[in-house]
Amino acid sequence: MKSKQQKICYFIVLMIFFCNISVCQNPSFVNSFTIIDSTKFEIIFELKFVMDTLNPSEKLVDQQALQIGNHFSKYFSILLAKSDSINTVLEEQGADYSLAPPKGANSYEVIKNKNAKTITVTDRSDDIIFRYSEPYPSINWSIHNEKKMIQQYSCQRATGSFRGRNYEAWFAIDIPIHEGPYKFGGLPGIILEINDSQMHYHFKCITLKTLDTKEPIKIRNWHYTETTRTELNEFLKRKYKNPVNYYKSRGVPIMINKDGKFVEAPKDFSLPYNPIELE
């Protein structure tokens, strides 16, 4: 069986923004979890988002789940979770490769602690799993009279600003849960649809259900690198602006597909970056 260092030196082809980019580092998919609650209510969202602001018509699509328990909620990419499950099996079998994350799969996981009113976010950069905590964000919502139906629920319109973007949200009046996708919440009912004014991020509920058989809300026991939101955001900005230097510092070349051949990326190569939080 190959060592971790040998494993991460295998190239994995990632389809990102019309470029084939090869990188070769992935986390260790340890099959160990901590159960923090049980799911009593689950909502599946479709997220359409723009990563390249110079090409806003090209949108990536993720499928994400919001699991709500009595004390905690968890929000995560279903696409990434399925990929992680496959990679866990591959690692247990001693494979010397792992699957790249599916195109469109977001890497963040958001845990809300209802009692402590805190949010814990994990995000990954290759084989590093970052984690930070922060208080519930304060969103100064304005509630309007407009209503519409979403998944057979009457929803009311609200508007507010959050970290550099202006949002329109629709919350279900008959579901008095102060939750929503990602870090959103704080309205009199659960948010079933929300988008920013530029339509760079659009979350929309596609299914919701109350679970008769409670599923565990669990978190993987990664080896975490503790950080802050500000530090993580600055790190990601630098990485996307100059990925060649970032991967070079880790002893990994970054390759791009040019005229059907993989070649080393030029020094000024950069990746489009349009995070949901702009400040």
Protein backbone atom coordinates (compact mmCIF):
# COMPACT_ATOMS: atom_id res chain seq x y z
CA MET A 1 0.00 0.00 0.00
CA LYS A 2 1.38 3.41 -0.93
CA SER A 3 2.12 6.07 1.65
CA LYS A 4 0.04 9.23 1.91
CA GLN A 5 2.89 11.23 0.33
CA GLN A 6 2.92 8.84 -2.62
CA LYS A 7 -0.86 8.98 -2.90
CA ILE A 8 -1.02 12.75 -3.11
CA CYS A 9 1.46 12.74 -5.98
CA TYR A 10 -1.05 11.06 -8.27
CA PHE A 11 -2.70 13.56 -10.58
CA ILE A 12 -6.48 13.94 -10.33
CA VAL A 13 -8.13 15.73 -13.22
CA LEU A 14 -10.58 18.41 -12.08
CA MET A 15 -13.00 20.09 -14.47
CA ILE A 16 -13.04 23.71 -13.37
CA PHE A 17 -14.38 26.62 -15.40
CA PHE A 18 -13.66 25.20 -18.85
CA CYS A 19 -10.03 24.37 -17.95
CA ASN A 20 -8.74 20.93 -17.11
CA ILE A 21 -6.51 21.54 -14.11
CA SER A 22 -4.49 18.80 -12.47
CA VAL A 23 -3.65 18.86 -8.79
CA CYS A 24 -2.80 15.94 -6.57
CA GLN A 25 -3.67 16.44 -2.93
CA ASN A 26 -6.69 15.04 -1.10
CA PRO A 27 -7.62 14.61 2.57
CA SER A 28 -7.46 11.32 4.40
CA PHE A 29 -10.99 9.91 4.46
CA VAL A 30 -10.95 8.48 7.98
CA ASN A 31 -14.09 6.42 8.61
CA SER A 32 -14.80 7.93 12.01
CA PHE A 33 -17.73 10.15 12.97
CA THR A 34 -19.25 11.91 15.98
CA ILE A 35 -23.06 11.99 16.25
CA ILE A 36 -24.22 15.39 17.54
CA ASP A 37 -28.02 15.13 17.10
CA SER A 38 -30.75 13.38 15.12
CA THR A 39 -32.58 14.79 12.13
CA LYS A 40 -36.26 15.57 12.63
CA PHE A 41 -36.68 17.76 9.54
CA GLU A 42 -34.72 17.70 6.27
CA ILE A 43 -34.72 20.08 3.32
CA ILE A 44 -32.91 19.54 0.04
CA PHE A 45 -31.82 22.68 -1.82
CA GLU A 46 -30.55 23.23 -5.31
CA LEU A 47 -27.83 25.88 -5.40
CA LYS A 48 -27.00 27.58 -8.68
CA PHE A 49 -23.99 29.86 -8.43
CA VAL A 50 -21.54 31.88 -10.53
CA MET A 51 -17.84 31.43 -9.90
CA ASP A 52 -16.58 33.42 -12.89
CA THR A 53 -18.04 36.94 -12.75
CA LEU A 54 -16.73 37.60 -16.27
CA ASN A 55 -18.99 34.82 -17.52
CA PRO A 56 -22.14 35.07 -15.34
CA SER A 57 -24.31 33.02 -17.71
CA GLU A 58 -22.28 29.91 -16.86
CA LYS A 59 -23.59 28.60 -13.56
CA LEU A 60 -22.48 25.66 -11.48
CA VAL A 61 -25.08 23.53 -9.70
CA ASP A 62 -24.84 21.82 -6.33
CA GLN A 63 -27.38 19.79 -4.38
CA GLN A 64 -27.28 20.53 -0.67
CA ALA A 65 -29.02 19.26 2.45
CA LEU A 66 -30.17 21.00 5.61
CA GLN A 67 -30.62 18.54 8.48
CA ILE A 68 -32.43 20.04 11.46
CA GLY A 69 -32.37 18.50 14.91
CA ASN A 70 -33.43 19.67 18.36
CA HIS A 71 -30.08 21.23 19.23
CA PHE A 72 -28.02 21.33 16.03
CA SER A 73 -28.48 21.71 12.30
CA LYS A 74 -26.07 20.70 9.56
CA TYR A 75 -25.83 22.10 6.03
CA PHE A 76 -23.63 20.40 3.44
CA SER A 77 -23.16 19.40 -0.19
CA ILE A 78 -24.81 16.07 -1.01
CA LEU A 79 -22.57 15.74 -4.06
CA LEU A 80 -19.45 16.07 -1.94
CA ALA A 81 -20.78 13.75 0.77
CA LYS A 82 -21.38 10.99 -1.81
CA SER A 83 -17.88 11.49 -3.19
CA ASP A 84 -16.43 11.32 0.34
CA SER A 85 -18.27 8.04 1.00
CA ILE A 86 -16.77 6.48 -2.13
CA ASN A 87 -13.30 7.76 -1.24
CA THR A 88 -13.64 6.32 2.27
CA VAL A 89 -14.21 2.87 0.78
CA LEU A 90 -11.33 3.33 -1.65
CA GLU A 91 -9.00 4.31 1.18
CA GLU A 92 -10.08 1.33 3.31
CA GLN A 93 -9.33 -0.91 0.33
CA GLY A 94 -5.84 0.56 0.03
CA ALA A 95 -6.39 2.31 -3.28
CA ASP A 96 -3.56 4.62 -4.38
CA TYR A 97 -5.97 7.19 -5.81
CA SER A 98 -9.15 9.04 -4.82
CA LEU A 99 -11.96 10.67 -6.75
CA ALA A 100 -11.92 14.38 -7.38
CA PRO A 101 -14.87 16.33 -5.97
CA PRO A 102 -17.77 16.54 -8.44
CA LYS A 103 -18.03 19.71 -10.47
CA GLY A 104 -20.19 22.20 -8.59
CA ALA A 105 -19.80 20.54 -5.19
CA ASN A 106 -19.17 23.13 -2.48
CA SER A 107 -16.60 22.20 0.12
CA TYR A 108 -18.10 23.95 3.15
CA GLU A 109 -20.11 22.34 5.94
CA VAL A 110 -22.10 24.57 8.31
CA ILE A 111 -23.09 23.40 11.81
CA LYS A 112 -25.43 25.63 13.81
CA ASN A 113 -25.54 25.19 17.58
CA LYS A 114 -28.99 26.44 18.57
CA ASN A 115 -28.29 26.56 22.29
CA ALA A 116 -24.95 28.39 22.09
CA LYS A 117 -26.06 30.49 19.09
CA THR A 118 -22.81 29.70 17.30
CA ILE A 119 -21.91 28.48 13.83
CA THR A 120 -19.01 26.14 13.11
CA VAL A 121 -17.80 25.98 9.52
CA THR A 122 -15.46 23.43 8.02
CA ASP A 123 -13.95 23.96 4.61
CA ARG A 124 -11.24 22.11 2.77
CA SER A 125 -8.34 23.06 0.61
CA ASP A 126 -6.94 19.87 -0.89
CA ASP A 127 -5.74 17.79 2.08
CA ILE A 128 -6.24 20.55 4.68
CA ILE A 129 -9.53 20.68 6.59
CA PHE A 130 -10.05 24.15 8.03
CA ARG A 131 -12.47 24.87 10.87
CA TYR A 132 -13.66 28.08 12.50
CA SER A 133 -16.53 29.18 14.75
CA GLU A 134 -18.44 32.44 14.97
CA PRO A 135 -21.63 33.78 16.58
CA TYR A 136 -24.92 33.61 14.68
CA PRO A 137 -24.76 36.37 12.04
CA SER A 138 -27.05 39.34 12.57
CA ILE A 139 -29.11 39.99 9.42
CA ASN A 140 -31.38 43.03 9.57
CA TRP A 141 -34.32 41.59 7.65
CA SER A 142 -37.18 43.67 6.22
CA ILE A 143 -40.40 41.68 5.80
CA HIS A 144 -42.67 42.58 2.88
CA ASN A 145 -46.26 41.74 1.99
CA GLU A 146 -45.56 39.76 -1.19
CA LYS A 147 -46.26 36.05 -1.03
CA LYS A 148 -45.82 33.03 -3.30
CA MET A 149 -46.08 29.25 -3.11
CA ILE A 150 -42.97 27.07 -2.80
CA GLN A 151 -43.39 23.31 -2.45
CA GLN A 152 -47.07 23.82 -1.50
CA TYR A 153 -46.15 26.22 1.30
CA SER A 154 -47.18 29.85 1.41
CA CYS A 155 -44.00 31.92 1.61
CA GLN A 156 -43.49 35.58 2.39
CA ARG A 157 -40.80 37.84 0.99
CA ALA A 158 -38.01 39.37 3.04
CA THR A 159 -34.92 41.36 2.10
CA GLY A 160 -31.63 41.91 3.88
CA SER A 161 -27.89 42.33 3.47
CA PHE A 162 -25.19 39.89 4.51
CA ARG A 163 -21.44 40.36 4.12
CA GLY A 164 -21.39 42.34 0.90
CA ARG A 165 -24.47 41.02 -0.86
CA ASN A 166 -28.13 42.08 -0.87
CA TYR A 167 -30.58 39.20 -0.59
CA GLU A 168 -34.20 38.39 -1.29
CA ALA A 169 -35.57 35.52 0.78
CA TRP A 170 -38.86 33.64 0.88
CA PHE A 171 -39.77 32.03 4.19
CA ALA A 172 -42.56 29.53 4.93
CA ILE A 173 -45.04 31.12 7.30
CA ASP A 174 -46.45 27.76 8.43
CA ILE A 175 -43.06 26.27 9.37
CA PRO A 176 -41.93 28.33 12.38
CA ILE A 177 -38.29 27.22 12.27
CA HIS A 178 -35.77 30.08 12.20
CA GLU A 179 -33.43 28.30 9.81
CA GLY A 180 -32.29 28.44 6.21
CA PRO A 181 -29.56 27.28 3.83
CA TYR A 182 -25.91 28.10 4.49
CA LYS A 183 -25.67 30.61 7.38
CA PHE A 184 -29.04 32.23 6.69
CA GLY A 185 -31.84 32.32 9.24
CA GLY A 186 -33.51 34.60 11.74
CA LEU A 187 -36.90 34.94 10.02
CA PRO A 188 -40.29 33.90 11.48
CA GLY A 189 -40.34 30.80 9.26
CA ILE A 190 -37.89 28.55 7.49
CA ILE A 191 -36.25 29.99 4.37
CA LEU A 192 -37.14 27.92 1.29
CA GLU A 193 -35.61 30.21 -1.32
CA ILE A 194 -32.97 32.93 -1.23
CA ASN A 195 -30.85 34.73 -3.83
CA ASP A 196 -28.57 37.71 -3.99
CA SER A 197 -29.46 40.73 -6.14
CA GLN A 198 -27.04 39.71 -8.90
CA MET A 199 -28.30 36.11 -8.98
CA HIS A 200 -24.76 34.89 -8.39
CA TYR A 201 -26.10 32.64 -5.62
CA HIS A 202 -29.59 31.16 -5.74
CA PHE A 203 -30.74 28.56 -3.20
CA LYS A 204 -34.13 26.93 -3.81
CA CYS A 205 -35.88 24.13 -1.94
CA ILE A 206 -36.64 21.10 -4.08
CA THR A 207 -37.89 18.72 -1.35
CA LEU A 208 -38.66 18.90 2.35
CA LYS A 209 -39.87 16.26 4.74
CA THR A 210 -40.36 15.34 8.35
CA LEU A 211 -38.50 12.13 9.17
CA ASP A 212 -40.34 9.34 10.97
CA THR A 213 -37.11 7.40 11.39
CA LYS A 214 -34.58 9.84 12.74
CA GLU A 215 -31.25 9.91 10.91
CA PRO A 216 -28.13 10.86 12.86
CA ILE A 217 -26.57 14.27 12.35
CA LYS A 218 -22.89 13.42 12.31
CA ILE A 219 -19.57 15.07 11.64
CA ARG A 220 -16.47 13.34 10.34
CA ASN A 221 -13.54 13.22 12.73
CA TRP A 222 -11.09 14.98 10.44
CA HIS A 223 -7.74 16.30 11.60
CA TYR A 224 -8.79 19.96 11.69
CA THR A 225 -6.71 23.08 11.23
CA GLU A 226 -8.29 25.72 13.46
CA THR A 227 -8.54 29.18 11.94
CA THR A 228 -10.79 32.25 11.74
CA ARG A 229 -13.22 33.27 9.03
CA THR A 230 -11.03 36.23 8.07
CA GLU A 231 -7.86 34.16 7.89
CA LEU A 232 -9.51 31.46 5.79
CA ASN A 233 -11.03 33.98 3.37
CA GLU A 234 -7.66 35.71 2.90
CA PHE A 235 -5.95 32.35 2.33
CA LEU A 236 -8.48 31.35 -0.34
CA LYS A 237 -8.17 34.71 -2.12
CA ARG A 238 -4.41 34.25 -2.36
CA LYS A 239 -4.74 30.66 -3.50
CA TYR A 240 -7.16 31.46 -6.33
CA LYS A 241 -5.23 34.56 -7.38
CA ASN A 242 -1.94 32.69 -7.62
CA PRO A 243 -2.51 28.91 -7.57
CA VAL A 244 0.86 28.24 -9.23
CA ASN A 245 2.81 29.65 -6.27
CA TYR A 246 0.47 27.96 -3.79
CA TYR A 247 0.93 24.47 -5.24
CA LYS A 248 4.63 25.06 -5.89
CA SER A 249 5.08 25.82 -2.19
CA ARG A 250 3.61 22.40 -1.47
CA GLY A 251 5.82 20.63 -3.98
CA VAL A 252 2.99 20.07 -6.44
CA PRO A 253 2.96 21.29 -10.06
CA ILE A 254 -0.33 22.62 -11.44
CA MET A 255 -1.11 21.54 -14.98
CA ILE A 256 -3.59 22.95 -17.48
CA ASN A 257 -5.03 21.48 -20.64
CA LYS A 258 -3.67 23.43 -23.59
CA ASP A 259 -4.51 22.26 -27.10
CA GLY A 260 -5.28 18.78 -25.82
CA LYS A 261 -2.05 18.43 -23.86
CA PHE A 262 -1.31 18.89 -20.17
CA VAL A 263 1.37 21.52 -19.63
CA GLU A 264 2.59 23.42 -16.58
CA ALA A 265 0.54 26.52 -15.89
CA PRO A 266 2.23 29.90 -16.46
CA LYS A 267 3.25 31.91 -13.41
CA ASP A 268 0.47 34.48 -13.92
CA PHE A 269 -2.26 31.82 -14.14
CA SER A 270 -5.25 32.50 -11.87
CA LEU A 271 -8.65 30.97 -11.16
CA PRO A 272 -12.02 32.75 -11.07
CA TYR A 273 -13.15 33.38 -7.51
CA ASN A 274 -16.54 34.69 -6.43
CA PRO A 275 -17.18 33.69 -2.80
CA ILE A 276 -20.61 33.99 -1.27
CA GLU A 277 -19.18 36.26 1.43
CA LEU A 278 -17.52 39.32 -0.06
CA GLU A 279 -16.47 40.91 3.21
